Protein backbone atom coordinates (compact mmCIF):
# COMPACT_ATOMS: atom_id res chain seq x y z
CA MET A 1 116.08 107.25 98.78
CA LYS A 2 119.35 107.41 96.93
CA SER A 3 119.38 105.66 93.58
CA GLN A 4 123.04 104.68 93.71
CA SER A 5 124.33 101.93 95.93
CA LEU A 6 127.46 101.26 97.92
CA ARG A 7 129.72 98.27 98.00
CA THR A 8 130.19 96.66 101.37
CA ASP A 9 133.88 97.63 101.30
CA ASP A 10 133.41 101.34 100.49
CA CYS A 11 135.51 103.83 102.43
CA ALA A 12 134.06 105.48 105.52
CA GLU A 13 133.78 108.89 103.85
CA ASN A 14 131.55 107.47 101.09
CA VAL A 15 129.42 105.61 103.63
CA ILE A 16 128.92 108.76 105.69
CA LYS A 17 128.00 110.81 102.62
CA PHE A 18 125.60 108.13 101.42
CA TYR A 19 123.78 107.62 104.75
CA ALA A 20 124.06 111.13 106.23
CA ASP A 21 120.53 112.22 105.26
CA MET A 22 118.92 109.00 106.48
CA VAL A 23 120.67 109.11 109.87
CA TYR A 24 119.98 112.81 110.36
CA ARG A 25 116.30 112.57 109.41
CA LEU A 26 115.77 109.62 111.75
CA ALA A 27 117.65 111.37 114.56
CA PHE A 28 115.54 114.49 114.06
CA ALA A 29 112.31 112.47 113.92
CA ARG A 30 113.22 110.82 117.23
CA THR A 31 114.62 113.82 119.11
CA GLY A 32 112.57 116.68 117.69
CA THR A 33 115.35 119.27 117.78
CA LYS A 34 118.16 120.19 115.44
CA TYR A 35 120.73 120.27 118.24
CA ASP A 36 119.88 116.83 119.56
CA ALA A 37 119.75 115.43 116.03
CA ASP A 38 123.23 116.87 115.40
CA GLU A 39 124.49 115.20 118.56
CA VAL A 40 122.99 111.83 117.67
CA PHE A 41 124.24 112.10 114.08
CA GLN A 42 127.77 112.74 115.28
CA GLU A 43 127.66 109.89 117.80
CA VAL A 44 126.40 107.39 115.21
CA PHE A 45 129.23 108.06 112.79
CA ILE A 46 131.86 108.21 115.54
CA ARG A 47 130.76 104.72 116.56
CA TYR A 48 130.88 103.63 112.92
CA LEU A 49 134.44 104.91 112.54
CA LYS A 50 135.65 103.49 115.86
CA LYS A 51 134.12 100.03 115.50
CA GLN A 52 134.68 99.65 111.76
CA PRO A 53 132.03 96.92 111.60
CA VAL A 54 132.03 94.38 108.81
CA PHE A 55 128.71 93.87 107.04
CA GLU A 56 127.31 91.02 104.99
CA ASN A 57 125.67 93.44 102.55
CA GLU A 58 124.35 96.98 102.20
CA GLU A 59 121.03 96.16 103.90
CA HIS A 60 122.97 94.94 106.92
CA ARG A 61 124.94 98.23 107.04
CA LYS A 62 121.73 100.29 106.71
CA ALA A 63 120.03 98.29 109.48
CA TRP A 64 123.07 98.73 111.73
CA LEU A 65 123.08 102.51 111.20
CA ILE A 66 119.34 102.74 111.90
CA ARG A 67 119.65 100.64 115.06
CA VAL A 68 122.60 102.71 116.33
CA THR A 69 120.69 105.94 115.57
CA ILE A 70 117.72 104.67 117.59
CA ASN A 71 119.98 103.56 120.45
CA CYS A 72 121.83 106.88 120.52
CA SER A 73 118.52 108.77 120.52
CA ASN A 74 117.28 106.63 123.42
CA LYS A 75 120.52 107.19 125.31
CA LEU A 76 120.27 110.94 124.76
CA TRP A 77 116.77 111.10 126.25
CA GLY A 78 117.74 108.84 129.11
CA SER A 79 120.55 111.11 130.27
CA VAL A 80 120.20 113.03 133.53
CA TRP A 81 120.85 116.26 131.66
CA LYS A 82 117.87 115.78 129.30
CA ARG A 83 115.53 114.87 132.14
CA LYS A 84 116.35 118.13 133.93
CA ILE A 85 115.93 120.63 131.08
CA GLU A 86 113.04 122.01 129.10
CA PRO A 87 113.38 121.46 125.34
CA LEU A 88 113.30 124.53 123.11
CA SER A 89 110.84 124.65 120.27
CA GLU A 90 112.87 123.86 117.17
CA THR A 91 111.98 123.11 113.61
CA MET A 92 114.00 121.52 110.89
CA PRO A 93 114.18 123.51 107.67
CA PHE A 94 111.75 122.14 105.12
CA GLU A 95 111.15 123.13 101.55
CA THR A 96 107.41 123.80 101.64
CA LYS A 97 104.74 124.90 104.10
CA ASP A 98 103.08 121.49 103.68
CA ASP A 99 106.32 119.79 104.75
CA ILE A 100 106.50 122.04 107.82
CA ASP A 101 102.86 121.36 108.69
CA LEU A 102 103.29 117.61 108.26
CA ASN A 103 106.41 117.61 110.45
CA ASN A 104 104.55 119.52 113.16
CA GLU A 105 101.74 116.94 113.06
CA LEU A 106 104.21 114.04 113.12
CA GLN A 107 105.90 115.49 116.21
CA GLN A 108 102.56 115.18 118.04
CA LEU A 109 102.50 111.40 117.53
CA PRO A 110 103.96 109.12 120.20
CA LEU A 111 107.55 108.09 119.44
CA LYS A 112 106.70 104.47 118.59
CA TYR A 113 104.35 105.72 115.85
CA ARG A 114 106.74 108.41 114.59
CA GLU A 115 109.42 105.75 114.20
CA VAL A 116 107.41 103.41 112.03
CA ILE A 117 105.98 106.26 109.92
CA HIS A 118 109.46 107.62 109.35
CA LEU A 119 111.05 104.30 108.44
CA PHE A 120 108.15 103.26 106.20
CA TYR A 121 107.61 106.50 104.29
CA TYR A 122 110.92 108.37 104.45
CA GLU A 123 113.34 105.45 104.35
CA ASP A 124 111.20 103.21 102.09
CA MET A 125 111.59 100.22 104.37
CA SER A 126 109.26 97.24 104.26
CA LEU A 127 107.35 96.04 107.33
CA ASP A 128 109.77 93.09 107.62
CA GLU A 129 112.80 95.40 107.56
CA ILE A 130 111.24 97.72 110.14
CA SER A 131 110.37 94.84 112.46
CA LYS A 132 113.96 93.56 112.30
CA VAL A 133 115.52 96.97 112.90
CA LEU A 134 113.19 97.88 115.76
CA ASN A 135 113.22 94.34 117.15
CA ARG A 136 109.43 94.15 117.12
CA LYS A 137 107.03 91.57 115.75
CA ASN A 138 105.86 92.18 112.20
CA SER A 139 102.26 92.29 113.41
CA THR A 140 103.20 94.93 116.01
CA VAL A 141 104.82 97.12 113.37
CA ARG A 142 101.80 96.72 111.08
CA THR A 143 99.44 97.67 113.94
CA GLN A 144 101.59 100.65 114.91
CA LEU A 145 101.70 101.86 111.31
CA THR A 146 97.91 101.55 111.01
CA ARG A 147 97.37 103.41 114.28
CA ALA A 148 99.90 106.08 113.34
CA ARG A 149 98.12 106.69 110.04
CA ALA A 150 94.77 106.97 111.83
CA LEU A 151 96.13 109.38 114.44
CA LEU A 152 97.82 111.46 111.75
CA LYS A 153 94.63 111.53 109.71
CA ASN A 154 92.69 112.78 112.75
CA LEU A 155 95.31 115.44 113.49
CA LEU A 156 95.26 116.65 109.91
CA LYS A 157 91.45 116.62 109.85
CA GLU A 158 91.32 118.71 113.04
CA ASP A 159 93.59 121.31 111.45
CA TYR A 160 91.39 121.60 108.38
CA ASP A 161 88.17 121.71 110.42
CA VAL A 162 89.37 124.68 112.48
């Protein structure tokens, strides 16, 4: 998470620079490929520039960007083109082998679990924030996070047992 903060009236260029990593990581976590993540990333910020939404505060802006990223990812996978093609195996560049291994394990989780894991651990969001952004009950998010952790633990255990 970035230590600096933005003002609600910051220029679009500063907003894009500040939130670029968050939007790209979430897009990649949801789509699984660099090319699709690039497409979603571009669409999110085009919408931001076109709509020029007004936000109450920085949390509101962050939630809006996360929601639009999720919607754009859903729209991408719902397109006729995506339903008719086979995805290529693609990996995002990571710094360490452990990061690569963890990403590979995360990609095996169902999307609903990948989402909550990503938002909780990579975006440092609370359960309340995640439930608002994903439009799910707090108890549902908590259950999904617990199940995601258990599934991930089993996947990691299987790798070490082999």
